[in-house]
């Protein structure tokens, strides 16, 4: 199976993006997809939201998968691979997760993962403020990305978008950056490009 790890700070639009991505893979590409959610708390709102669309969702709720749940995550990924044999596994990390730790652990201990990519979402309306308050976390997430989505561009001042892009490129010049509004919907061509070369 191929894995897409989706990261980004709280409120960046990860679940909305995953809904579009999974819908594209299932409906347009006719692929089998399982979504692995990491919720901090006992009630999985994102899980319920995704399950309404008929997606197969598995949840980890006892903590953050990059900190306290790495063993449980590895077991869940291995069970998903054996039980469901999906073409794609989409893993949504919590907003405080470090994607590089998750991906490193799964590369060592995960079974059945043929290839993987990390997509990190950035909240265009809050990036400048948040990155000044939590630079290590946010720039660490961006630094681990294979692709970066500057999301919620409708909520950002236009003059801020080049500043955001510059700061992202200074952190990770190798990752392609896309400007999107996931809530308004994502184009099939963009979703195809995001999944290519995995």
N, C-alpha and C. Protein backbone atom coordinates (compact mmCIF):
# COMPACT_ATOMS: atom_id res chain seq x y z
N UNK A 1 0.84 -1.18 0.00
CA UNK A 1 0.00 0.00 0.00
C UNK A 1 0.88 1.24 0.00
N UNK A 2 0.34 2.32 -0.52
CA UNK A 2 1.02 3.60 -0.50
C UNK A 2 0.44 4.43 0.63
N UNK A 3 1.28 5.24 1.27
CA UNK A 3 0.82 6.02 2.41
C UNK A 3 0.98 7.51 2.14
N UNK A 4 -0.06 8.26 2.51
CA UNK A 4 0.00 9.71 2.50
C UNK A 4 -0.16 10.16 3.94
N UNK A 5 0.85 10.79 4.49
CA UNK A 5 0.81 11.34 5.83
C UNK A 5 0.45 12.81 5.72
N UNK A 6 -0.65 13.20 6.37
CA UNK A 6 -1.13 14.58 6.28
C UNK A 6 -0.89 15.26 7.62
N UNK A 7 -0.11 16.34 7.59
CA UNK A 7 0.20 17.09 8.80
C UNK A 7 -0.18 18.54 8.66
N UNK A 8 0.00 19.27 9.73
CA UNK A 8 -0.34 20.69 9.77
C UNK A 8 -0.93 21.04 11.11
N UNK A 9 -0.79 22.28 11.51
CA UNK A 9 -1.25 22.71 12.82
C UNK A 9 -2.77 22.66 12.92
N UNK A 10 -3.26 22.67 14.15
CA UNK A 10 -4.70 22.63 14.42
C UNK A 10 -5.44 23.70 13.61
N UNK A 11 -6.50 23.28 12.94
CA UNK A 11 -7.31 24.23 12.18
C UNK A 11 -6.80 24.57 10.80
N UNK A 12 -5.78 23.85 10.33
CA UNK A 12 -5.22 24.16 9.01
C UNK A 12 -6.05 23.58 7.87
N UNK A 13 -7.01 22.70 8.18
CA UNK A 13 -7.90 22.16 7.15
C UNK A 13 -7.56 20.75 6.72
N UNK A 14 -6.87 20.00 7.59
CA UNK A 14 -6.44 18.64 7.22
C UNK A 14 -7.62 17.73 6.89
N UNK A 15 -8.65 17.72 7.73
CA UNK A 15 -9.77 16.81 7.51
C UNK A 15 -10.53 17.15 6.24
N UNK A 16 -10.73 18.43 5.98
CA UNK A 16 -11.40 18.85 4.75
C UNK A 16 -10.60 18.42 3.53
N UNK A 17 -9.28 18.58 3.61
CA UNK A 17 -8.42 18.15 2.52
C UNK A 17 -8.49 16.64 2.33
N UNK A 18 -8.42 15.89 3.43
CA UNK A 18 -8.46 14.43 3.33
C UNK A 18 -9.77 13.96 2.72
N UNK A 19 -10.84 14.62 3.04
CA UNK A 19 -12.15 14.27 2.46
C UNK A 19 -12.11 14.38 0.93
N UNK A 20 -11.52 15.46 0.44
CA UNK A 20 -11.39 15.63 -1.02
C UNK A 20 -10.44 14.61 -1.62
N UNK A 21 -9.30 14.41 -0.96
CA UNK A 21 -8.29 13.49 -1.46
C UNK A 21 -8.82 12.06 -1.52
N UNK A 22 -9.42 11.60 -0.42
CA UNK A 22 -9.96 10.24 -0.38
C UNK A 22 -11.08 10.07 -1.38
N UNK A 23 -11.94 11.07 -1.50
CA UNK A 23 -13.02 11.02 -2.49
C UNK A 23 -12.48 10.88 -3.90
N UNK A 24 -11.43 11.62 -4.20
CA UNK A 24 -10.80 11.53 -5.53
C UNK A 24 -10.23 10.14 -5.77
N UNK A 25 -9.48 9.62 -4.79
CA UNK A 25 -8.86 8.31 -4.96
C UNK A 25 -9.89 7.20 -5.12
N UNK A 26 -10.98 7.28 -4.37
CA UNK A 26 -12.02 6.24 -4.42
C UNK A 26 -12.88 6.37 -5.67
N UNK A 27 -13.36 7.58 -5.95
CA UNK A 27 -14.33 7.76 -7.03
C UNK A 27 -13.70 7.91 -8.41
N UNK A 28 -12.59 8.62 -8.49
CA UNK A 28 -11.97 8.86 -9.80
C UNK A 28 -10.94 7.79 -10.17
N UNK A 29 -10.16 7.36 -9.18
CA UNK A 29 -9.10 6.41 -9.45
C UNK A 29 -9.48 4.97 -9.10
N UNK A 30 -10.66 4.79 -8.49
CA UNK A 30 -11.19 3.47 -8.12
C UNK A 30 -10.21 2.69 -7.24
N UNK A 31 -9.66 3.39 -6.28
CA UNK A 31 -8.69 2.81 -5.35
C UNK A 31 -9.35 2.48 -4.01
N UNK A 32 -8.80 1.52 -3.29
CA UNK A 32 -9.24 1.21 -1.93
C UNK A 32 -8.44 2.08 -0.97
N UNK A 33 -9.15 2.83 -0.12
CA UNK A 33 -8.51 3.79 0.77
C UNK A 33 -8.96 3.55 2.21
N UNK A 34 -8.01 3.56 3.13
CA UNK A 34 -8.32 3.55 4.56
C UNK A 34 -7.70 4.80 5.16
N UNK A 35 -8.46 5.47 6.02
CA UNK A 35 -8.01 6.68 6.70
C UNK A 35 -7.73 6.35 8.16
N UNK A 36 -6.54 6.70 8.62
CA UNK A 36 -6.17 6.50 10.02
C UNK A 36 -6.11 7.87 10.68
N UNK A 37 -7.03 8.09 11.61
CA UNK A 37 -7.16 9.37 12.30
C UNK A 37 -6.45 9.34 13.63
N UNK A 38 -5.78 10.43 13.99
CA UNK A 38 -5.23 10.56 15.33
C UNK A 38 -5.94 11.73 16.00
N UNK A 39 -6.83 11.43 16.93
CA UNK A 39 -7.57 12.45 17.67
C UNK A 39 -7.02 12.51 19.08
N UNK A 40 -6.82 13.71 19.59
CA UNK A 40 -6.45 13.87 20.99
C UNK A 40 -7.74 14.14 21.74
N UNK A 41 -8.21 13.14 22.46
CA UNK A 41 -9.51 13.23 23.14
C UNK A 41 -10.30 11.98 22.88
N UNK A 42 -11.41 11.85 23.54
CA UNK A 42 -12.17 10.62 23.44
C UNK A 42 -13.21 10.61 22.35
N UNK A 43 -13.63 11.79 21.87
CA UNK A 43 -14.67 11.85 20.85
C UNK A 43 -14.04 12.30 19.54
N UNK A 44 -14.15 11.47 18.52
CA UNK A 44 -13.53 11.77 17.24
C UNK A 44 -14.47 12.51 16.30
N UNK A 45 -14.45 13.83 16.34
CA UNK A 45 -15.32 14.62 15.47
C UNK A 45 -14.93 14.42 14.01
N UNK A 46 -13.62 14.49 13.73
CA UNK A 46 -13.16 14.33 12.34
C UNK A 46 -13.52 12.95 11.82
N UNK A 47 -13.40 11.94 12.66
CA UNK A 47 -13.76 10.58 12.29
C UNK A 47 -15.22 10.51 11.85
N UNK A 48 -16.11 11.10 12.64
CA UNK A 48 -17.54 11.09 12.32
C UNK A 48 -17.79 11.81 11.01
N UNK A 49 -17.10 12.91 10.80
CA UNK A 49 -17.25 13.72 9.59
C UNK A 49 -16.84 12.91 8.35
N UNK A 50 -15.72 12.21 8.43
CA UNK A 50 -15.25 11.41 7.30
C UNK A 50 -16.11 10.17 7.09
N UNK A 51 -16.55 9.53 8.17
CA UNK A 51 -17.36 8.32 8.06
C UNK A 51 -18.71 8.60 7.40
N UNK A 52 -19.22 9.83 7.54
CA UNK A 52 -20.49 10.19 6.90
C UNK A 52 -20.40 10.05 5.38
N UNK A 53 -19.19 10.24 4.85
CA UNK A 53 -18.99 10.10 3.40
C UNK A 53 -18.76 8.65 3.00
N UNK A 54 -18.80 7.74 3.97
CA UNK A 54 -18.65 6.32 3.67
C UNK A 54 -17.21 5.84 3.66
N UNK A 55 -16.27 6.64 4.14
CA UNK A 55 -14.88 6.23 4.15
C UNK A 55 -14.61 5.28 5.32
N UNK A 56 -13.71 4.34 5.10
CA UNK A 56 -13.27 3.43 6.16
C UNK A 56 -12.27 4.20 7.03
N UNK A 57 -12.63 4.43 8.30
CA UNK A 57 -11.81 5.23 9.19
C UNK A 57 -11.44 4.43 10.42
N UNK A 58 -10.16 4.48 10.78
CA UNK A 58 -9.67 3.86 12.02
C UNK A 58 -9.12 4.98 12.87
N UNK A 59 -9.36 4.95 14.19
CA UNK A 59 -8.98 6.04 15.08
C UNK A 59 -7.99 5.62 16.14
N UNK A 60 -7.07 6.52 16.46
CA UNK A 60 -6.20 6.39 17.63
C UNK A 60 -6.47 7.62 18.48
N UNK A 61 -6.93 7.43 19.72
CA UNK A 61 -7.38 8.58 20.51
C UNK A 61 -6.66 8.78 21.83
N UNK A 62 -5.69 7.99 22.15
CA UNK A 62 -5.09 8.08 23.49
C UNK A 62 -3.95 9.08 23.58
N UNK A 63 -3.62 9.76 22.53
CA UNK A 63 -2.53 10.72 22.57
C UNK A 63 -2.07 11.05 21.16
N UNK A 64 -0.91 11.66 21.08
CA UNK A 64 -0.36 12.07 19.79
C UNK A 64 0.51 10.96 19.21
N UNK A 65 0.29 10.62 17.94
CA UNK A 65 1.00 9.49 17.36
C UNK A 65 2.50 9.72 17.21
N UNK A 66 2.95 10.96 17.30
CA UNK A 66 4.40 11.15 17.21
C UNK A 66 5.06 11.10 18.58
N UNK A 67 4.26 11.05 19.63
CA UNK A 67 4.83 11.07 20.98
C UNK A 67 4.55 9.78 21.74
N UNK A 68 3.29 9.57 22.10
CA UNK A 68 2.95 8.45 22.98
C UNK A 68 2.39 7.24 22.26
N UNK A 69 2.05 7.36 20.99
CA UNK A 69 1.34 6.27 20.32
C UNK A 69 2.11 5.61 19.18
N UNK A 70 3.42 5.78 19.13
CA UNK A 70 4.15 5.23 17.99
C UNK A 70 3.99 3.72 17.88
N UNK A 71 4.00 3.01 19.00
CA UNK A 71 3.80 1.56 18.96
C UNK A 71 2.40 1.21 18.49
N UNK A 72 1.41 1.91 19.04
CA UNK A 72 0.02 1.66 18.64
C UNK A 72 -0.20 2.00 17.17
N UNK A 73 0.43 3.08 16.72
CA UNK A 73 0.33 3.46 15.31
C UNK A 73 0.89 2.36 14.42
N UNK A 74 2.05 1.87 14.76
CA UNK A 74 2.68 0.82 13.96
C UNK A 74 1.80 -0.42 13.90
N UNK A 75 1.26 -0.82 15.04
CA UNK A 75 0.35 -1.97 15.06
C UNK A 75 -0.89 -1.72 14.21
N UNK A 76 -1.46 -0.51 14.31
CA UNK A 76 -2.66 -0.18 13.53
C UNK A 76 -2.36 -0.22 12.04
N UNK A 77 -1.24 0.35 11.63
CA UNK A 77 -0.87 0.34 10.21
C UNK A 77 -0.68 -1.09 9.71
N UNK A 78 0.00 -1.91 10.50
CA UNK A 78 0.23 -3.29 10.10
C UNK A 78 -1.07 -4.08 10.02
N UNK A 79 -1.99 -3.85 10.96
CA UNK A 79 -3.29 -4.52 10.92
C UNK A 79 -4.11 -4.07 9.72
N UNK A 80 -4.09 -2.78 9.43
CA UNK A 80 -4.83 -2.25 8.28
C UNK A 80 -4.32 -2.89 7.00
N UNK A 81 -3.00 -2.98 6.87
CA UNK A 81 -2.43 -3.59 5.68
C UNK A 81 -2.85 -5.03 5.51
N UNK A 82 -2.85 -5.78 6.60
CA UNK A 82 -3.22 -7.20 6.53
C UNK A 82 -4.72 -7.41 6.36
N UNK A 83 -5.53 -6.62 7.09
CA UNK A 83 -6.97 -6.84 7.09
C UNK A 83 -7.67 -6.27 5.86
N UNK A 84 -7.33 -5.03 5.49
CA UNK A 84 -8.06 -4.35 4.42
C UNK A 84 -7.33 -4.36 3.08
N UNK A 85 -6.02 -4.53 3.11
CA UNK A 85 -5.20 -4.50 1.89
C UNK A 85 -5.55 -3.29 1.00
N UNK A 86 -5.48 -2.08 1.57
CA UNK A 86 -5.85 -0.91 0.77
C UNK A 86 -4.76 -0.56 -0.24
N UNK A 87 -5.16 0.15 -1.28
CA UNK A 87 -4.17 0.71 -2.21
C UNK A 87 -3.47 1.90 -1.55
N UNK A 88 -4.25 2.66 -0.76
CA UNK A 88 -3.74 3.86 -0.11
C UNK A 88 -4.13 3.87 1.35
N UNK A 89 -3.21 4.27 2.20
CA UNK A 89 -3.47 4.55 3.60
C UNK A 89 -3.22 6.03 3.79
N UNK A 90 -4.23 6.75 4.25
CA UNK A 90 -4.09 8.18 4.53
C UNK A 90 -4.06 8.33 6.04
N UNK A 91 -2.96 8.86 6.57
CA UNK A 91 -2.79 9.04 8.01
C UNK A 91 -2.89 10.53 8.32
N UNK A 92 -3.87 10.89 9.15
CA UNK A 92 -3.99 12.28 9.59
C UNK A 92 -3.39 12.41 10.97
N UNK A 93 -2.33 13.18 11.07
CA UNK A 93 -1.67 13.42 12.36
C UNK A 93 -2.38 14.54 13.10
N UNK A 94 -2.19 14.58 14.42
CA UNK A 94 -2.73 15.71 15.17
C UNK A 94 -2.00 16.98 14.76
N UNK A 95 -2.57 18.11 15.14
CA UNK A 95 -1.96 19.39 14.80
C UNK A 95 -0.65 19.66 15.48
N UNK A 96 -0.32 18.87 16.51
CA UNK A 96 0.94 19.09 17.23
C UNK A 96 1.98 18.02 16.90
N UNK A 97 1.70 17.20 15.91
CA UNK A 97 2.60 16.10 15.55
C UNK A 97 3.76 16.58 14.69
N UNK A 98 4.85 15.83 14.79
CA UNK A 98 6.03 16.05 13.95
C UNK A 98 6.05 14.95 12.90
N UNK A 99 5.70 15.26 11.65
CA UNK A 99 5.60 14.23 10.61
C UNK A 99 6.87 13.43 10.40
N UNK A 100 8.04 14.05 10.61
CA UNK A 100 9.29 13.33 10.39
C UNK A 100 9.44 12.16 11.35
N UNK A 101 8.98 12.30 12.60
CA UNK A 101 9.06 11.21 13.57
C UNK A 101 8.11 10.07 13.18
N UNK A 102 6.91 10.43 12.76
CA UNK A 102 5.93 9.42 12.38
C UNK A 102 6.43 8.63 11.17
N UNK A 103 6.87 9.34 10.18
CA UNK A 103 7.31 8.68 8.94
C UNK A 103 8.54 7.81 9.19
N UNK A 104 9.45 8.30 10.03
CA UNK A 104 10.64 7.52 10.33
C UNK A 104 10.30 6.21 11.02
N UNK A 105 9.39 6.27 11.98
CA UNK A 105 8.98 5.06 12.70
C UNK A 105 8.32 4.07 11.75
N UNK A 106 7.42 4.57 10.91
CA UNK A 106 6.71 3.66 9.99
C UNK A 106 7.65 3.10 8.93
N UNK A 107 8.66 3.85 8.54
CA UNK A 107 9.63 3.33 7.59
C UNK A 107 10.41 2.16 8.19
N UNK A 108 10.66 2.22 9.50
CA UNK A 108 11.42 1.16 10.16
C UNK A 108 10.56 -0.04 10.53
N UNK A 109 9.35 0.23 11.03
CA UNK A 109 8.55 -0.86 11.62
C UNK A 109 7.24 -1.17 10.90
N UNK A 110 6.81 -0.30 10.02
CA UNK A 110 5.55 -0.53 9.31
C UNK A 110 5.71 -1.60 8.25
N UNK A 111 4.70 -2.44 8.11
CA UNK A 111 4.74 -3.51 7.12
C UNK A 111 3.81 -3.16 5.95
N UNK A 112 4.24 -3.50 4.76
CA UNK A 112 3.38 -3.35 3.60
C UNK A 112 3.33 -1.96 3.01
N UNK A 113 4.16 -1.03 3.49
CA UNK A 113 4.18 0.32 2.94
C UNK A 113 5.20 0.36 1.81
N UNK A 114 4.69 0.47 0.58
CA UNK A 114 5.56 0.47 -0.60
C UNK A 114 6.26 1.81 -0.77
N UNK A 115 5.53 2.88 -0.51
CA UNK A 115 6.05 4.23 -0.69
C UNK A 115 5.19 5.18 0.14
N UNK A 116 5.76 6.34 0.43
CA UNK A 116 4.98 7.31 1.21
C UNK A 116 5.38 8.73 0.87
N UNK A 117 4.44 9.64 1.13
CA UNK A 117 4.72 11.07 1.01
C UNK A 117 4.09 11.77 2.21
N UNK A 118 4.61 12.95 2.49
CA UNK A 118 4.06 13.78 3.55
C UNK A 118 3.55 15.07 2.92
N UNK A 119 2.28 15.37 3.18
CA UNK A 119 1.67 16.62 2.74
C UNK A 119 1.33 17.43 3.98
N UNK A 120 1.84 18.65 4.05
CA UNK A 120 1.58 19.51 5.20
C UNK A 120 0.75 20.70 4.76
N UNK A 121 -0.31 20.97 5.54
CA UNK A 121 -1.17 22.11 5.27
C UNK A 121 -0.79 23.27 6.18
N UNK A 122 -0.84 24.46 5.61
CA UNK A 122 -0.53 25.69 6.31
C UNK A 122 -1.76 26.58 6.23
N UNK A 123 -2.15 27.15 7.35
CA UNK A 123 -3.31 28.04 7.43
C UNK A 123 -2.86 29.44 7.01
N UNK A 124 -3.25 29.87 5.82
CA UNK A 124 -2.78 31.15 5.29
C UNK A 124 -3.23 32.33 6.15
N UNK A 125 -4.41 32.23 6.74
CA UNK A 125 -4.92 33.34 7.54
C UNK A 125 -4.23 33.52 8.87
N UNK A 126 -3.61 32.45 9.39
CA UNK A 126 -2.99 32.50 10.73
C UNK A 126 -1.49 32.21 10.72
N UNK A 127 -0.91 31.90 9.56
CA UNK A 127 0.47 31.44 9.51
C UNK A 127 1.47 32.41 10.13
N UNK A 128 1.38 33.68 9.77
CA UNK A 128 2.38 34.64 10.25
C UNK A 128 2.34 34.75 11.77
N UNK A 129 1.16 34.77 12.34
CA UNK A 129 1.04 34.85 13.79
C UNK A 129 1.51 33.55 14.46
N UNK A 130 1.00 32.42 13.98
CA UNK A 130 1.33 31.14 14.60
C UNK A 130 2.81 30.81 14.48
N UNK A 131 3.39 31.08 13.33
CA UNK A 131 4.80 30.72 13.13
C UNK A 131 5.73 31.59 13.97
N UNK A 132 5.26 32.77 14.38
CA UNK A 132 6.09 33.58 15.26
C UNK A 132 5.98 33.12 16.71
N UNK A 133 4.84 32.49 17.07
CA UNK A 133 4.64 32.00 18.43
C UNK A 133 5.22 30.60 18.62
N UNK A 134 5.08 29.73 17.59
CA UNK A 134 5.55 28.33 17.67
C UNK A 134 6.43 27.98 16.48
N UNK A 135 7.53 28.69 16.30
CA UNK A 135 8.32 28.45 15.09
C UNK A 135 8.90 27.04 14.99
N UNK A 136 9.36 26.46 16.09
CA UNK A 136 9.97 25.13 16.02
C UNK A 136 8.98 24.09 15.51
N UNK A 137 7.76 24.10 16.05
CA UNK A 137 6.75 23.13 15.64
C UNK A 137 6.34 23.34 14.19
N UNK A 138 5.95 24.56 13.84
CA UNK A 138 5.40 24.80 12.51
C UNK A 138 6.45 24.66 11.41
N UNK A 139 7.63 25.22 11.63
CA UNK A 139 8.67 25.08 10.61
C UNK A 139 9.19 23.65 10.57
N UNK A 140 9.13 22.94 11.70
CA UNK A 140 9.49 21.52 11.71
C UNK A 140 8.53 20.70 10.86
N UNK A 141 7.23 21.02 10.94
CA UNK A 141 6.25 20.32 10.11
C UNK A 141 6.51 20.59 8.63
N UNK A 142 6.73 21.85 8.29
CA UNK A 142 6.98 22.21 6.89
C UNK A 142 8.28 21.59 6.38
N UNK A 143 9.28 21.55 7.23
CA UNK A 143 10.57 20.98 6.84
C UNK A 143 10.49 19.51 6.50
N UNK A 144 9.49 18.81 7.05
CA UNK A 144 9.32 17.37 6.80
C UNK A 144 8.43 17.08 5.60
N UNK A 145 7.91 18.10 4.95
CA UNK A 145 6.91 17.91 3.89
C UNK A 145 7.54 17.59 2.54
N UNK A 146 6.84 16.73 1.78
CA UNK A 146 7.17 16.52 0.38
C UNK A 146 6.37 17.47 -0.51
N UNK A 147 5.20 17.89 0.00
CA UNK A 147 4.35 18.86 -0.67
C UNK A 147 3.73 19.73 0.42
N UNK A 148 3.57 21.02 0.12
CA UNK A 148 2.97 21.95 1.08
C UNK A 148 1.76 22.60 0.43
N UNK A 149 0.65 22.62 1.16
CA UNK A 149 -0.55 23.31 0.69
C UNK A 149 -0.76 24.54 1.57
N UNK A 150 -0.72 25.71 0.96
CA UNK A 150 -1.10 26.93 1.67
C UNK A 150 -2.61 27.00 1.52
N UNK A 151 -3.31 26.64 2.58
CA UNK A 151 -4.76 26.50 2.56
C UNK A 151 -5.43 27.77 3.11
N UNK A 152 -6.72 27.88 2.85
CA UNK A 152 -7.54 29.01 3.33
C UNK A 152 -7.02 30.33 2.79
N UNK A 153 -6.64 30.33 1.51
CA UNK A 153 -6.10 31.55 0.93
C UNK A 153 -7.15 32.67 0.89
N UNK A 154 -8.42 32.28 0.96
CA UNK A 154 -9.48 33.29 0.98
C UNK A 154 -9.51 34.05 2.30
N UNK A 155 -8.86 33.53 3.34
CA UNK A 155 -8.85 34.16 4.66
C UNK A 155 -7.58 34.99 4.90
N UNK A 156 -6.70 35.03 3.93
CA UNK A 156 -5.42 35.74 4.11
C UNK A 156 -5.44 37.05 3.33
N UNK A 157 -4.71 38.02 3.87
CA UNK A 157 -4.52 39.26 3.11
C UNK A 157 -3.59 38.94 1.94
N UNK A 158 -3.93 39.47 0.76
CA UNK A 158 -3.16 39.12 -0.44
C UNK A 158 -1.68 39.45 -0.30
N UNK A 159 -1.37 40.53 0.37
CA UNK A 159 0.03 40.92 0.54
C UNK A 159 0.81 39.92 1.39
N UNK A 160 0.10 39.15 2.20
CA UNK A 160 0.78 38.19 3.07
C UNK A 160 1.17 36.90 2.35
N UNK A 161 0.49 36.56 1.25
CA UNK A 161 0.76 35.29 0.57
C UNK A 161 2.21 35.17 0.08
N UNK A 162 2.80 36.21 -0.55
CA UNK A 162 4.22 36.10 -0.95
C UNK A 162 5.15 35.98 0.25
N UNK A 163 4.80 36.62 1.36
CA UNK A 163 5.62 36.54 2.57
C UNK A 163 5.58 35.11 3.13
N UNK A 164 4.38 34.51 3.14
CA UNK A 164 4.23 33.14 3.61
C UNK A 164 5.02 32.19 2.72
N UNK A 165 4.86 32.35 1.40
CA UNK A 165 5.58 31.50 0.46
C UNK A 165 7.09 31.59 0.67
N UNK A 166 7.59 32.80 0.85
CA UNK A 166 9.03 33.00 1.07
C UNK A 166 9.50 32.26 2.32
N UNK A 167 8.74 32.36 3.41
CA UNK A 167 9.17 31.70 4.65
C UNK A 167 9.13 30.19 4.51
N UNK A 168 8.16 29.67 3.75
CA UNK A 168 8.08 28.23 3.53
C UNK A 168 9.24 27.73 2.68
N UNK A 169 9.55 28.47 1.64
CA UNK A 169 10.64 28.08 0.74
C UNK A 169 12.00 28.17 1.44
N UNK A 170 12.15 29.11 2.36
CA UNK A 170 13.39 29.21 3.12
C UNK A 170 13.56 28.00 4.04
N UNK A 171 12.43 27.43 4.47
CA UNK A 171 12.46 26.26 5.34
C UNK A 171 12.62 24.97 4.56
N UNK A 172 11.92 24.88 3.43
CA UNK A 172 11.93 23.64 2.64
C UNK A 172 11.80 24.01 1.17
N UNK A 173 12.92 24.21 0.52
CA UNK A 173 12.91 24.63 -0.88
C UNK A 173 12.61 23.48 -1.83
N UNK A 174 12.70 22.24 -1.35
CA UNK A 174 12.50 21.08 -2.22
C UNK A 174 11.02 20.75 -2.44
N UNK A 175 10.17 21.13 -1.49
CA UNK A 175 8.75 20.75 -1.59
C UNK A 175 7.98 21.72 -2.47
N UNK A 176 7.23 21.19 -3.45
CA UNK A 176 6.35 22.07 -4.22
C UNK A 176 5.28 22.66 -3.30
N UNK A 177 4.92 23.91 -3.55
CA UNK A 177 3.92 24.61 -2.74
C UNK A 177 2.73 24.95 -3.62
N UNK A 178 1.52 24.69 -3.09
CA UNK A 178 0.28 24.94 -3.82
C UNK A 178 -0.61 25.85 -2.99
N UNK A 179 -1.22 26.82 -3.62
CA UNK A 179 -2.19 27.71 -2.98
C UNK A 179 -3.58 27.13 -3.19
N UNK A 180 -4.32 26.86 -2.10
CA UNK A 180 -5.62 26.21 -2.23
C UNK A 180 -6.64 26.78 -1.24
N UNK A 181 -7.89 26.46 -1.53
CA UNK A 181 -8.98 26.67 -0.59
C UNK A 181 -9.72 25.34 -0.54
N UNK A 182 -9.29 24.46 0.37
CA UNK A 182 -9.83 23.10 0.42
C UNK A 182 -11.33 23.09 0.67
N UNK A 183 -11.82 24.05 1.42
CA UNK A 183 -13.25 24.10 1.74
C UNK A 183 -14.08 24.32 0.48
N UNK A 184 -13.56 25.08 -0.47
CA UNK A 184 -14.26 25.35 -1.73
C UNK A 184 -14.14 24.19 -2.72
N UNK A 185 -13.27 23.24 -2.41
CA UNK A 185 -13.07 22.08 -3.28
C UNK A 185 -11.74 22.15 -3.99
N UNK A 186 -11.23 20.97 -4.31
CA UNK A 186 -9.93 20.89 -4.97
C UNK A 186 -10.08 20.25 -6.34
N UNK A 187 -9.38 20.76 -7.28
CA UNK A 187 -9.42 20.29 -8.66
C UNK A 187 -8.80 18.90 -8.77
N UNK A 188 -9.41 18.05 -9.61
CA UNK A 188 -8.88 16.70 -9.82
C UNK A 188 -7.43 16.71 -10.30
N UNK A 189 -7.08 17.69 -11.14
CA UNK A 189 -5.71 17.76 -11.65
C UNK A 189 -4.71 18.00 -10.52
N UNK A 190 -5.09 18.85 -9.56
CA UNK A 190 -4.22 19.09 -8.41
C UNK A 190 -4.10 17.83 -7.56
N UNK A 191 -5.22 17.17 -7.30
CA UNK A 191 -5.18 15.95 -6.49
C UNK A 191 -4.36 14.86 -7.17
N UNK A 192 -4.47 14.77 -8.48
CA UNK A 192 -3.66 13.80 -9.23
C UNK A 192 -2.18 14.14 -9.09
N UNK A 193 -1.85 15.41 -9.19
CA UNK A 193 -0.44 15.83 -9.06
C UNK A 193 0.10 15.55 -7.65
N UNK A 194 -0.73 15.78 -6.64
CA UNK A 194 -0.29 15.54 -5.27
C UNK A 194 0.03 14.05 -5.02
N UNK A 195 -0.70 13.17 -5.72
CA UNK A 195 -0.52 11.73 -5.52
C UNK A 195 0.49 11.12 -6.49
N UNK A 196 0.97 11.90 -7.42
CA UNK A 196 1.88 11.35 -8.43
C UNK A 196 3.25 11.08 -7.85
N UNK A 197 3.94 10.17 -8.44
CA UNK A 197 5.32 9.81 -8.04
C UNK A 197 5.42 9.34 -6.60
N UNK A 198 4.38 8.68 -6.14
CA UNK A 198 4.43 8.10 -4.79
C UNK A 198 4.87 6.65 -4.92
